[in-house]
mmCIF file of all heavy atoms, coordinates in Angstrom:
data_MODEL
# 
_entry.id   MODEL 
# 
loop_
_atom_site.group_PDB 
_atom_site.id 
_atom_site.type_symbol 
_atom_site.label_atom_id 
_atom_site.label_alt_id 
_atom_site.label_comp_id 
_atom_site.label_asym_id 
_atom_site.label_entity_id 
_atom_site.label_seq_id 
_atom_site.pdbx_PDB_ins_code 
_atom_site.Cartn_x 
_atom_site.Cartn_y 
_atom_site.Cartn_z 
_atom_site.occupancy 
_atom_site.B_iso_or_equiv 
_atom_site.pdbx_formal_charge 
_atom_site.auth_seq_id 
_atom_site.auth_comp_id 
_atom_site.auth_asym_id 
_atom_site.auth_atom_id 
_atom_site.pdbx_PDB_model_num 
ATOM 1   N N   . LYS A 1 1  ? 101.189 93.196  9.945  1.00 0.00 ? 1  LYS A N   1 
ATOM 2   C CA  . LYS A 1 1  ? 102.219 92.250  9.526  1.00 0.00 ? 1  LYS A CA  1 
ATOM 3   C C   . LYS A 1 1  ? 102.347 91.099  10.517 1.00 0.00 ? 1  LYS A C   1 
ATOM 4   O O   . LYS A 1 1  ? 102.515 89.931  10.118 1.00 0.00 ? 1  LYS A O   1 
ATOM 5   C CB  . LYS A 1 1  ? 103.564 92.983  9.393  1.00 0.00 ? 1  LYS A CB  1 
ATOM 6   C CG  . LYS A 1 1  ? 104.711 92.094  8.928  1.00 0.00 ? 1  LYS A CG  1 
ATOM 7   C CD  . LYS A 1 1  ? 106.009 92.897  8.828  1.00 0.00 ? 1  LYS A CD  1 
ATOM 8   C CE  . LYS A 1 1  ? 107.172 91.994  8.413  1.00 0.00 ? 1  LYS A CE  1 
ATOM 9   N NZ  . LYS A 1 1  ? 108.440 92.767  8.334  1.00 0.00 ? 1  LYS A NZ  1 
ATOM 10  N N   . GLN A 1 2  ? 102.254 91.401  11.798 1.00 0.00 ? 2  GLN A N   1 
ATOM 11  C CA  . GLN A 1 2  ? 102.380 90.376  12.845 1.00 0.00 ? 2  GLN A CA  1 
ATOM 12  C C   . GLN A 1 2  ? 101.222 89.384  12.793 1.00 0.00 ? 2  GLN A C   1 
ATOM 13  O O   . GLN A 1 2  ? 101.407 88.185  13.008 1.00 0.00 ? 2  GLN A O   1 
ATOM 14  C CB  . GLN A 1 2  ? 102.412 91.028  14.233 1.00 0.00 ? 2  GLN A CB  1 
ATOM 15  C CG  . GLN A 1 2  ? 103.705 91.713  14.585 1.00 0.00 ? 2  GLN A CG  1 
ATOM 16  C CD  . GLN A 1 2  ? 104.772 90.718  15.047 1.00 0.00 ? 2  GLN A CD  1 
ATOM 17  O OE1 . GLN A 1 2  ? 104.553 89.521  15.079 1.00 0.00 ? 2  GLN A OE1 1 
ATOM 18  N NE2 . GLN A 1 2  ? 105.945 91.241  15.378 1.00 0.00 ? 2  GLN A NE2 1 
ATOM 19  N N   . ILE A 1 3  ? 100.027 89.885  12.529 1.00 0.00 ? 3  ILE A N   1 
ATOM 20  C CA  . ILE A 1 3  ? 98.839  89.056  12.676 1.00 0.00 ? 3  ILE A CA  1 
ATOM 21  C C   . ILE A 1 3  ? 98.441  88.332  11.391 1.00 0.00 ? 3  ILE A C   1 
ATOM 22  O O   . ILE A 1 3  ? 97.684  87.352  11.430 1.00 0.00 ? 3  ILE A O   1 
ATOM 23  C CB  . ILE A 1 3  ? 97.657  89.925  13.187 1.00 0.00 ? 3  ILE A CB  1 
ATOM 24  C CG1 . ILE A 1 3  ? 96.610  89.034  13.873 1.00 0.00 ? 3  ILE A CG1 1 
ATOM 25  C CG2 . ILE A 1 3  ? 97.041  90.751  12.070 1.00 0.00 ? 3  ILE A CG2 1 
ATOM 26  C CD1 . ILE A 1 3  ? 95.537  89.811  14.616 1.00 0.00 ? 3  ILE A CD1 1 
ATOM 27  N N   . LEU A 1 4  ? 98.950  88.765  10.251 1.00 0.00 ? 4  LEU A N   1 
ATOM 28  C CA  . LEU A 1 4  ? 98.584  88.156  8.970  1.00 0.00 ? 4  LEU A CA  1 
ATOM 29  C C   . LEU A 1 4  ? 99.107  86.727  8.888  1.00 0.00 ? 4  LEU A C   1 
ATOM 30  O O   . LEU A 1 4  ? 100.271 86.468  9.166  1.00 0.00 ? 4  LEU A O   1 
ATOM 31  C CB  . LEU A 1 4  ? 99.147  88.995  7.821  1.00 0.00 ? 4  LEU A CB  1 
ATOM 32  C CG  . LEU A 1 4  ? 98.464  88.868  6.459  1.00 0.00 ? 4  LEU A CG  1 
ATOM 33  C CD1 . LEU A 1 4  ? 97.016  89.352  6.522  1.00 0.00 ? 4  LEU A CD1 1 
ATOM 34  C CD2 . LEU A 1 4  ? 99.250  89.673  5.416  1.00 0.00 ? 4  LEU A CD2 1 
ATOM 35  N N   . SER A 1 5  ? 98.242  85.803  8.500  1.00 0.00 ? 5  SER A N   1 
ATOM 36  C CA  . SER A 1 5  ? 98.662  84.395  8.425  1.00 0.00 ? 5  SER A CA  1 
ATOM 37  C C   . SER A 1 5  ? 99.361  84.100  7.111  1.00 0.00 ? 5  SER A C   1 
ATOM 38  O O   . SER A 1 5  ? 99.277  84.866  6.140  1.00 0.00 ? 5  SER A O   1 
ATOM 39  C CB  . SER A 1 5  ? 97.448  83.468  8.576  1.00 0.00 ? 5  SER A CB  1 
ATOM 40  O OG  . SER A 1 5  ? 96.752  83.334  7.352  1.00 0.00 ? 5  SER A OG  1 
ATOM 41  N N   . SER A 1 6  ? 100.022 82.970  7.054  1.00 0.00 ? 6  SER A N   1 
ATOM 42  C CA  . SER A 1 6  ? 100.739 82.550  5.850  1.00 0.00 ? 6  SER A CA  1 
ATOM 43  C C   . SER A 1 6  ? 99.791  82.134  4.734  1.00 0.00 ? 6  SER A C   1 
ATOM 44  O O   . SER A 1 6  ? 100.219 81.948  3.598  1.00 0.00 ? 6  SER A O   1 
ATOM 45  C CB  . SER A 1 6  ? 101.670 81.372  6.186  1.00 0.00 ? 6  SER A CB  1 
ATOM 46  O OG  . SER A 1 6  ? 100.929 80.282  6.724  1.00 0.00 ? 6  SER A OG  1 
ATOM 47  N N   . PHE A 1 7  ? 98.491  82.012  5.054  1.00 0.00 ? 7  PHE A N   1 
ATOM 48  C CA  . PHE A 1 7  ? 97.508  81.630  4.030  1.00 0.00 ? 7  PHE A CA  1 
ATOM 49  C C   . PHE A 1 7  ? 97.013  82.833  3.231  1.00 0.00 ? 7  PHE A C   1 
ATOM 50  O O   . PHE A 1 7  ? 96.342  82.668  2.211  1.00 0.00 ? 7  PHE A O   1 
ATOM 51  C CB  . PHE A 1 7  ? 96.304  80.947  4.694  1.00 0.00 ? 7  PHE A CB  1 
ATOM 52  C CG  . PHE A 1 7  ? 96.606  79.589  5.255  1.00 0.00 ? 7  PHE A CG  1 
ATOM 53  C CD1 . PHE A 1 7  ? 97.016  79.451  6.575  1.00 0.00 ? 7  PHE A CD1 1 
ATOM 54  C CD2 . PHE A 1 7  ? 96.503  78.452  4.466  1.00 0.00 ? 7  PHE A CD2 1 
ATOM 55  C CE1 . PHE A 1 7  ? 97.302  78.199  7.099  1.00 0.00 ? 7  PHE A CE1 1 
ATOM 56  C CE2 . PHE A 1 7  ? 96.792  77.198  4.980  1.00 0.00 ? 7  PHE A CE2 1 
ATOM 57  C CZ  . PHE A 1 7  ? 97.195  77.071  6.304  1.00 0.00 ? 7  PHE A CZ  1 
ATOM 58  N N   . ALA A 1 8  ? 97.323  84.038  3.695  1.00 0.00 ? 8  ALA A N   1 
ATOM 59  C CA  . ALA A 1 8  ? 96.816  85.248  3.043  1.00 0.00 ? 8  ALA A CA  1 
ATOM 60  C C   . ALA A 1 8  ? 97.287  85.338  1.597  1.00 0.00 ? 8  ALA A C   1 
ATOM 61  O O   . ALA A 1 8  ? 98.460  85.113  1.296  1.00 0.00 ? 8  ALA A O   1 
ATOM 62  C CB  . ALA A 1 8  ? 97.264  86.475  3.821  1.00 0.00 ? 8  ALA A CB  1 
ATOM 63  N N   . LYS A 1 9  ? 96.359  85.647  0.704  1.00 0.00 ? 9  LYS A N   1 
ATOM 64  C CA  . LYS A 1 9  ? 96.694  85.863  -0.698 1.00 0.00 ? 9  LYS A CA  1 
ATOM 65  C C   . LYS A 1 9  ? 97.109  87.313  -0.894 1.00 0.00 ? 9  LYS A C   1 
ATOM 66  O O   . LYS A 1 9  ? 96.969  88.144  0.011  1.00 0.00 ? 9  LYS A O   1 
ATOM 67  C CB  . LYS A 1 9  ? 95.477  85.525  -1.562 1.00 0.00 ? 9  LYS A CB  1 
ATOM 68  C CG  . LYS A 1 9  ? 95.006  84.075  -1.417 1.00 0.00 ? 9  LYS A CG  1 
ATOM 69  C CD  . LYS A 1 9  ? 93.732  83.818  -2.203 1.00 0.00 ? 9  LYS A CD  1 
ATOM 70  C CE  . LYS A 1 9  ? 93.253  82.384  -1.995 1.00 0.00 ? 9  LYS A CE  1 
ATOM 71  N NZ  . LYS A 1 9  ? 91.980  82.106  -2.702 1.00 0.00 ? 9  LYS A NZ  1 
ATOM 72  N N   . THR A 1 10 ? 97.622  87.640  -2.077 1.00 0.00 ? 10 THR A N   1 
ATOM 73  C CA  . THR A 1 10 ? 98.134  88.986  -2.334 1.00 0.00 ? 10 THR A CA  1 
ATOM 74  C C   . THR A 1 10 ? 97.100  90.053  -2.020 1.00 0.00 ? 10 THR A C   1 
ATOM 75  O O   . THR A 1 10 ? 97.381  91.063  -1.359 1.00 0.00 ? 10 THR A O   1 
ATOM 76  C CB  . THR A 1 10 ? 98.576  89.112  -3.802 1.00 0.00 ? 10 THR A CB  1 
ATOM 77  O OG1 . THR A 1 10 ? 99.573  88.117  -4.073 1.00 0.00 ? 10 THR A OG1 1 
ATOM 78  C CG2 . THR A 1 10 ? 99.146  90.493  -4.084 1.00 0.00 ? 10 THR A CG2 1 
ATOM 79  N N   . ARG A 1 11 ? 95.858  89.833  -2.457 1.00 0.00 ? 11 ARG A N   1 
ATOM 80  C CA  . ARG A 1 11 ? 94.823  90.837  -2.227 1.00 0.00 ? 11 ARG A CA  1 
ATOM 81  C C   . ARG A 1 11 ? 94.409  90.922  -0.765 1.00 0.00 ? 11 ARG A C   1 
ATOM 82  O O   . ARG A 1 11 ? 93.861  91.929  -0.325 1.00 0.00 ? 11 ARG A O   1 
ATOM 83  C CB  . ARG A 1 11 ? 93.607  90.563  -3.108 1.00 0.00 ? 11 ARG A CB  1 
ATOM 84  C CG  . ARG A 1 11 ? 93.017  89.181  -2.946 1.00 0.00 ? 11 ARG A CG  1 
ATOM 85  C CD  . ARG A 1 11 ? 91.852  88.979  -3.910 1.00 0.00 ? 11 ARG A CD  1 
ATOM 86  N NE  . ARG A 1 11 ? 91.633  87.567  -4.187 1.00 0.00 ? 11 ARG A NE  1 
ATOM 87  C CZ  . ARG A 1 11 ? 90.595  87.096  -4.841 1.00 0.00 ? 11 ARG A CZ  1 
ATOM 88  N NH1 . ARG A 1 11 ? 89.689  87.937  -5.296 1.00 0.00 ? 11 ARG A NH1 1 
ATOM 89  N NH2 . ARG A 1 11 ? 90.467  85.814  -5.074 1.00 0.00 ? 11 ARG A NH2 1 
ATOM 90  N N   . ASP A 1 12 ? 94.672  89.837  0.004  1.00 0.00 ? 12 ASP A N   1 
ATOM 91  C CA  . ASP A 1 12 ? 94.340  89.851  1.433  1.00 0.00 ? 12 ASP A CA  1 
ATOM 92  C C   . ASP A 1 12 ? 95.360  90.645  2.241  1.00 0.00 ? 12 ASP A C   1 
ATOM 93  O O   . ASP A 1 12 ? 95.078  91.048  3.369  1.00 0.00 ? 12 ASP A O   1 
ATOM 94  C CB  . ASP A 1 12 ? 94.301  88.424  1.990  1.00 0.00 ? 12 ASP A CB  1 
ATOM 95  C CG  . ASP A 1 12 ? 93.258  87.552  1.324  1.00 0.00 ? 12 ASP A CG  1 
ATOM 96  O OD1 . ASP A 1 12 ? 92.161  88.066  1.068  1.00 0.00 ? 12 ASP A OD1 1 
ATOM 97  O OD2 . ASP A 1 12 ? 93.543  86.367  1.064  1.00 0.00 ? 12 ASP A OD2 1 
ATOM 98  N N   . ALA A 1 13 ? 96.553  90.832  1.681  1.00 0.00 ? 13 ALA A N   1 
ATOM 99  C CA  . ALA A 1 13 ? 97.671  91.412  2.430  1.00 0.00 ? 13 ALA A CA  1 
ATOM 100 C C   . ALA A 1 13 ? 97.721  92.930  2.333  1.00 0.00 ? 13 ALA A C   1 
ATOM 101 O O   . ALA A 1 13 ? 98.719  93.548  2.712  1.00 0.00 ? 13 ALA A O   1 
ATOM 102 C CB  . ALA A 1 13 ? 98.986  90.819  1.929  1.00 0.00 ? 13 ALA A CB  1 
ATOM 103 N N   . ARG A 1 14 ? 96.655  93.542  1.811  1.00 0.00 ? 14 ARG A N   1 
ATOM 104 C CA  . ARG A 1 14 ? 96.600  94.997  1.727  1.00 0.00 ? 14 ARG A CA  1 
ATOM 105 C C   . ARG A 1 14 ? 95.914  95.553  2.973  1.00 0.00 ? 14 ARG A C   1 
ATOM 106 O O   . ARG A 1 14 ? 94.798  95.163  3.306  1.00 0.00 ? 14 ARG A O   1 
ATOM 107 C CB  . ARG A 1 14 ? 95.838  95.431  0.475  1.00 0.00 ? 14 ARG A CB  1 
ATOM 108 C CG  . ARG A 1 14 ? 96.454  94.926  -0.825 1.00 0.00 ? 14 ARG A CG  1 
ATOM 109 C CD  . ARG A 1 14 ? 95.787  95.585  -2.030 1.00 0.00 ? 14 ARG A CD  1 
ATOM 110 N NE  . ARG A 1 14 ? 96.280  95.000  -3.268 1.00 0.00 ? 14 ARG A NE  1 
ATOM 111 C CZ  . ARG A 1 14 ? 95.592  94.151  -4.019 1.00 0.00 ? 14 ARG A CZ  1 
ATOM 112 N NH1 . ARG A 1 14 ? 94.365  93.808  -3.663 1.00 0.00 ? 14 ARG A NH1 1 
ATOM 113 N NH2 . ARG A 1 14 ? 96.095  93.672  -5.139 1.00 0.00 ? 14 ARG A NH2 1 
ATOM 114 N N   . LEU A 1 15 ? 96.577  96.469  3.639  1.00 0.00 ? 15 LEU A N   1 
ATOM 115 C CA  . LEU A 1 15 ? 96.044  97.086  4.860  1.00 0.00 ? 15 LEU A CA  1 
ATOM 116 C C   . LEU A 1 15 ? 94.983  98.123  4.486  1.00 0.00 ? 15 LEU A C   1 
ATOM 117 O O   . LEU A 1 15 ? 95.304  99.161  3.904  1.00 0.00 ? 15 LEU A O   1 
ATOM 118 C CB  . LEU A 1 15 ? 97.180  97.734  5.652  1.00 0.00 ? 15 LEU A CB  1 
ATOM 119 C CG  . LEU A 1 15 ? 96.808  98.469  6.939  1.00 0.00 ? 15 LEU A CG  1 
ATOM 120 C CD1 . LEU A 1 15 ? 96.143  97.525  7.938  1.00 0.00 ? 15 LEU A CD1 1 
ATOM 121 C CD2 . LEU A 1 15 ? 98.063  99.097  7.569  1.00 0.00 ? 15 LEU A CD2 1 
ATOM 122 N N   . SER A 1 16 ? 93.736  97.849  4.813  1.00 0.00 ? 16 SER A N   1 
ATOM 123 C CA  . SER A 1 16 ? 92.630  98.741  4.454  1.00 0.00 ? 16 SER A CA  1 
ATOM 124 C C   . SER A 1 16 ? 92.260  99.657  5.627  1.00 0.00 ? 16 SER A C   1 
ATOM 125 O O   . SER A 1 16 ? 92.711  99.450  6.758  1.00 0.00 ? 16 SER A O   1 
ATOM 126 C CB  . SER A 1 16 ? 91.408  97.921  4.050  1.00 0.00 ? 16 SER A CB  1 
ATOM 127 O OG  . SER A 1 16 ? 90.889  97.223  5.179  1.00 0.00 ? 16 SER A OG  1 
ATOM 128 N N   . GLU A 1 17 ? 91.403  100.619 5.360  1.00 0.00 ? 17 GLU A N   1 
ATOM 129 C CA  . GLU A 1 17 ? 90.921  101.506 6.416  1.00 0.00 ? 17 GLU A CA  1 
ATOM 130 C C   . GLU A 1 17 ? 90.116  100.721 7.454  1.00 0.00 ? 17 GLU A C   1 
ATOM 131 O O   . GLU A 1 17 ? 90.168  101.014 8.649  1.00 0.00 ? 17 GLU A O   1 
ATOM 132 C CB  . GLU A 1 17 ? 90.084  102.637 5.818  1.00 0.00 ? 17 GLU A CB  1 
ATOM 133 C CG  . GLU A 1 17 ? 90.901  103.735 5.162  1.00 0.00 ? 17 GLU A CG  1 
ATOM 134 C CD  . GLU A 1 17 ? 91.923  104.328 6.120  1.00 0.00 ? 17 GLU A CD  1 
ATOM 135 O OE1 . GLU A 1 17 ? 91.552  104.665 7.278  1.00 0.00 ? 17 GLU A OE1 1 
ATOM 136 O OE2 . GLU A 1 17 ? 93.104  104.440 5.740  1.00 0.00 ? 17 GLU A OE2 1 
ATOM 137 N N   . LYS A 1 18 ? 89.368  99.741  6.992  1.00 0.00 ? 18 LYS A N   1 
ATOM 138 C CA  . LYS A 1 18 ? 88.603  98.900  7.916  1.00 0.00 ? 18 LYS A CA  1 
ATOM 139 C C   . LYS A 1 18 ? 89.540  98.165  8.861  1.00 0.00 ? 18 LYS A C   1 
ATOM 140 O O   . LYS A 1 18 ? 89.297  98.090  10.073 1.00 0.00 ? 18 LYS A O   1 
ATOM 141 C CB  . LYS A 1 18 ? 87.746  97.907  7.138  1.00 0.00 ? 18 LYS A CB  1 
ATOM 142 C CG  . LYS A 1 18 ? 86.880  97.022  8.029  1.00 0.00 ? 18 LYS A CG  1 
ATOM 143 C CD  . LYS A 1 18 ? 86.028  96.069  7.196  1.00 0.00 ? 18 LYS A CD  1 
ATOM 144 C CE  . LYS A 1 18 ? 85.160  95.200  8.094  1.00 0.00 ? 18 LYS A CE  1 
ATOM 145 N NZ  . LYS A 1 18 ? 84.327  94.247  7.310  1.00 0.00 ? 18 LYS A NZ  1 
ATOM 146 N N   . HIS A 1 19 ? 90.642  97.644  8.298  1.00 0.00 ? 19 HIS A N   1 
ATOM 147 C CA  . HIS A 1 19 ? 91.634  96.963  9.136  1.00 0.00 ? 19 HIS A CA  1 
ATOM 148 C C   . HIS A 1 19 ? 92.188  97.931  10.187 1.00 0.00 ? 19 HIS A C   1 
ATOM 149 O O   . HIS A 1 19 ? 92.335  97.573  11.355 1.00 0.00 ? 19 HIS A O   1 
ATOM 150 C CB  . HIS A 1 19 ? 92.792  96.441  8.277  1.00 0.00 ? 19 HIS A CB  1 
ATOM 151 C CG  . HIS A 1 19 ? 92.423  95.282  7.400  1.00 0.00 ? 19 HIS A CG  1 
ATOM 152 N ND1 . HIS A 1 19 ? 92.926  95.130  6.129  1.00 0.00 ? 19 HIS A ND1 1 
ATOM 153 C CD2 . HIS A 1 19 ? 91.594  94.224  7.616  1.00 0.00 ? 19 HIS A CD2 1 
ATOM 154 C CE1 . HIS A 1 19 ? 92.429  94.021  5.599  1.00 0.00 ? 19 HIS A CE1 1 
ATOM 155 N NE2 . HIS A 1 19 ? 91.617  93.465  6.476  1.00 0.00 ? 19 HIS A NE2 1 
ATOM 156 N N   . ARG A 1 20 ? 92.495  99.159  9.757  1.00 0.00 ? 20 ARG A N   1 
ATOM 157 C CA  . ARG A 1 20 ? 93.070  100.150 10.684 1.00 0.00 ? 20 ARG A CA  1 
ATOM 158 C C   . ARG A 1 20 ? 92.118  100.427 11.854 1.00 0.00 ? 20 ARG A C   1 
ATOM 159 O O   . ARG A 1 20 ? 92.548  100.505 13.009 1.00 0.00 ? 20 ARG A O   1 
ATOM 160 C CB  . ARG A 1 20 ? 93.386  101.451 9.940  1.00 0.00 ? 20 ARG A CB  1 
ATOM 161 C CG  . ARG A 1 20 ? 94.530  101.356 8.945  1.00 0.00 ? 20 ARG A CG  1 
ATOM 162 C CD  . ARG A 1 20 ? 94.820  102.710 8.312  1.00 0.00 ? 20 ARG A CD  1 
ATOM 163 N NE  . ARG A 1 20 ? 95.797  102.616 7.247  1.00 0.00 ? 20 ARG A NE  1 
ATOM 164 C CZ  . ARG A 1 20 ? 97.124  102.596 7.417  1.00 0.00 ? 20 ARG A CZ  1 
ATOM 165 N NH1 . ARG A 1 20 ? 97.607  102.665 8.655  1.00 0.00 ? 20 ARG A NH1 1 
ATOM 166 N NH2 . ARG A 1 20 ? 97.936  102.522 6.394  1.00 0.00 ? 20 ARG A NH2 1 
ATOM 167 N N   . ARG A 1 21 ? 90.839  100.574 11.555 1.00 0.00 ? 21 ARG A N   1 
ATOM 168 C CA  . ARG A 1 21 ? 89.868  100.853 12.612 1.00 0.00 ? 21 ARG A CA  1 
ATOM 169 C C   . ARG A 1 21 ? 89.835  99.713  13.629 1.00 0.00 ? 21 ARG A C   1 
ATOM 170 O O   . ARG A 1 21 ? 89.809  99.950  14.845 1.00 0.00 ? 21 ARG A O   1 
ATOM 171 C CB  . ARG A 1 21 ? 88.471  101.061 12.001 1.00 0.00 ? 21 ARG A CB  1 
ATOM 172 C CG  . ARG A 1 21 ? 88.315  102.366 11.236 1.00 0.00 ? 21 ARG A CG  1 
ATOM 173 C CD  . ARG A 1 21 ? 86.844  102.686 11.022 1.00 0.00 ? 21 ARG A CD  1 
ATOM 174 N NE  . ARG A 1 21 ? 86.146  101.642 10.282 1.00 0.00 ? 21 ARG A NE  1 
ATOM 175 C CZ  . ARG A 1 21 ? 86.080  101.563 8.955  1.00 0.00 ? 21 ARG A CZ  1 
ATOM 176 N NH1 . ARG A 1 21 ? 86.683  102.486 8.205  1.00 0.00 ? 21 ARG A NH1 1 
ATOM 177 N NH2 . ARG A 1 21 ? 85.397  100.599 8.372  1.00 0.00 ? 21 ARG A NH2 1 
ATOM 178 N N   . HIS A 1 22 ? 89.842  98.489  13.132 1.00 0.00 ? 22 HIS A N   1 
ATOM 179 C CA  . HIS A 1 22 ? 89.794  97.346  14.040 1.00 0.00 ? 22 HIS A CA  1 
ATOM 180 C C   . HIS A 1 22 ? 91.110  97.187  14.806 1.00 0.00 ? 22 HIS A C   1 
ATOM 181 O O   . HIS A 1 22 ? 91.099  96.784  15.986 1.00 0.00 ? 22 HIS A O   1 
ATOM 182 C CB  . HIS A 1 22 ? 89.473  96.072  13.259 1.00 0.00 ? 22 HIS A CB  1 
ATOM 183 C CG  . HIS A 1 22 ? 88.018  95.926  12.933 1.00 0.00 ? 22 HIS A CG  1 
ATOM 184 N ND1 . HIS A 1 22 ? 87.073  95.630  13.879 1.00 0.00 ? 22 HIS A ND1 1 
ATOM 185 C CD2 . HIS A 1 22 ? 87.357  96.061  11.749 1.00 0.00 ? 22 HIS A CD2 1 
ATOM 186 C CE1 . HIS A 1 22 ? 85.877  95.575  13.302 1.00 0.00 ? 22 HIS A CE1 1 
ATOM 187 N NE2 . HIS A 1 22 ? 86.018  95.825  12.007 1.00 0.00 ? 22 HIS A NE2 1 
ATOM 188 N N   . ILE A 1 23 ? 92.236  97.475  14.175 1.00 0.00 ? 23 ILE A N   1 
ATOM 189 C CA  . ILE A 1 23 ? 93.533  97.390  14.858 1.00 0.00 ? 23 ILE A CA  1 
ATOM 190 C C   . ILE A 1 23 ? 93.587  98.388  16.010 1.00 0.00 ? 23 ILE A C   1 
ATOM 191 O O   . ILE A 1 23 ? 94.012  98.058  17.127 1.00 0.00 ? 23 ILE A O   1 
ATOM 192 C CB  . ILE A 1 23 ? 94.689  97.639  13.860 1.00 0.00 ? 23 ILE A CB  1 
ATOM 193 C CG1 . ILE A 1 23 ? 94.822  96.444  12.900 1.00 0.00 ? 23 ILE A CG1 1 
ATOM 194 C CG2 . ILE A 1 23 ? 95.998  97.890  14.600 1.00 0.00 ? 23 ILE A CG2 1 
ATOM 195 C CD1 . ILE A 1 23 ? 95.773  96.693  11.736 1.00 0.00 ? 23 ILE A CD1 1 
ATOM 196 N N   . GLN A 1 24 ? 93.157  99.601  15.758 1.00 0.00 ? 24 GLN A N   1 
ATOM 197 C CA  . GLN A 1 24 ? 93.188  100.629 16.797 1.00 0.00 ? 24 GLN A CA  1 
ATOM 198 C C   . GLN A 1 24 ? 92.203  100.309 17.924 1.00 0.00 ? 24 GLN A C   1 
ATOM 199 O O   . GLN A 1 24 ? 92.511  100.501 19.106 1.00 0.00 ? 24 GLN A O   1 
ATOM 200 C CB  . GLN A 1 24 ? 92.887  101.998 16.172 1.00 0.00 ? 24 GLN A CB  1 
ATOM 201 C CG  . GLN A 1 24 ? 94.024  102.478 15.273 1.00 0.00 ? 24 GLN A CG  1 
ATOM 202 C CD  . GLN A 1 24 ? 93.617  103.571 14.298 1.00 0.00 ? 24 GLN A CD  1 
ATOM 203 O OE1 . GLN A 1 24 ? 92.585  104.227 14.478 1.00 0.00 ? 24 GLN A OE1 1 
ATOM 204 N NE2 . GLN A 1 24 ? 94.425  103.772 13.258 1.00 0.00 ? 24 GLN A NE2 1 
ATOM 205 N N   . ALA A 1 25 ? 91.033  99.796  17.567 1.00 0.00 ? 25 ALA A N   1 
ATOM 206 C CA  . ALA A 1 25 ? 90.048  99.429  18.590 1.00 0.00 ? 25 ALA A CA  1 
ATOM 207 C C   . ALA A 1 25 ? 90.546  98.243  19.416 1.00 0.00 ? 25 ALA A C   1 
ATOM 208 O O   . ALA A 1 25 ? 90.333  98.201  20.642 1.00 0.00 ? 25 ALA A O   1 
ATOM 209 C CB  . ALA A 1 25 ? 88.716  99.091  17.924 1.00 0.00 ? 25 ALA A CB  1 
ATOM 210 N N   . PHE A 1 26 ? 91.225  97.296  18.755 1.00 0.00 ? 26 PHE A N   1 
ATOM 211 C CA  . PHE A 1 26 ? 91.799  96.141  19.458 1.00 0.00 ? 26 PHE A CA  1 
ATOM 212 C C   . PHE A 1 26 ? 92.824  96.610  20.481 1.00 0.00 ? 26 PHE A C   1 
ATOM 213 O O   . PHE A 1 26 ? 92.805  96.176  21.643 1.00 0.00 ? 26 PHE A O   1 
ATOM 214 C CB  . PHE A 1 26 ? 92.449  95.192  18.453 1.00 0.00 ? 26 PHE A CB  1 
ATOM 215 C CG  . PHE A 1 26 ? 93.105  93.988  19.073 1.00 0.00 ? 26 PHE A CG  1 
ATOM 216 C CD1 . PHE A 1 26 ? 92.454  92.764  19.110 1.00 0.00 ? 26 PHE A CD1 1 
ATOM 217 C CD2 . PHE A 1 26 ? 94.388  94.052  19.611 1.00 0.00 ? 26 PHE A CD2 1 
ATOM 218 C CE1 . PHE A 1 26 ? 93.049  91.642  19.687 1.00 0.00 ? 26 PHE A CE1 1 
ATOM 219 C CE2 . PHE A 1 26 ? 94.999  92.949  20.189 1.00 0.00 ? 26 PHE A CE2 1 
ATOM 220 C CZ  . PHE A 1 26 ? 94.320  91.739  20.212 1.00 0.00 ? 26 PHE A CZ  1 
ATOM 221 N N   . GLN A 1 27 ? 93.731  97.492  20.074 1.00 0.00 ? 27 GLN A N   1 
ATOM 222 C CA  . GLN A 1 27 ? 94.788  97.944  20.969 1.00 0.00 ? 27 GLN A CA  1 
ATOM 223 C C   . GLN A 1 27 ? 94.222  98.722  22.160 1.00 0.00 ? 27 GLN A C   1 
ATOM 224 O O   . GLN A 1 27 ? 94.674  98.544  23.295 1.00 0.00 ? 27 GLN A O   1 
ATOM 225 C CB  . GLN A 1 27 ? 95.791  98.800  20.202 1.00 0.00 ? 27 GLN A CB  1 
ATOM 226 C CG  . GLN A 1 27 ? 96.563  98.019  19.139 1.00 0.00 ? 27 GLN A CG  1 
ATOM 227 C CD  . GLN A 1 27 ? 97.775  98.780  18.628 1.00 0.00 ? 27 GLN A CD  1 
ATOM 228 O OE1 . GLN A 1 27 ? 98.728  98.992  19.378 1.00 0.00 ? 27 GLN A OE1 1 
ATOM 229 N NE2 . GLN A 1 27 ? 97.754  99.188  17.364 1.00 0.00 ? 27 GLN A NE2 1 
# 
């Protein structure tokens, strides 16, 4: 939610498993 830009479309705003892996690796 913090990192998503205002340009994101509805389908872009879904948190996927790929996103989770990168979020955890980033942290």
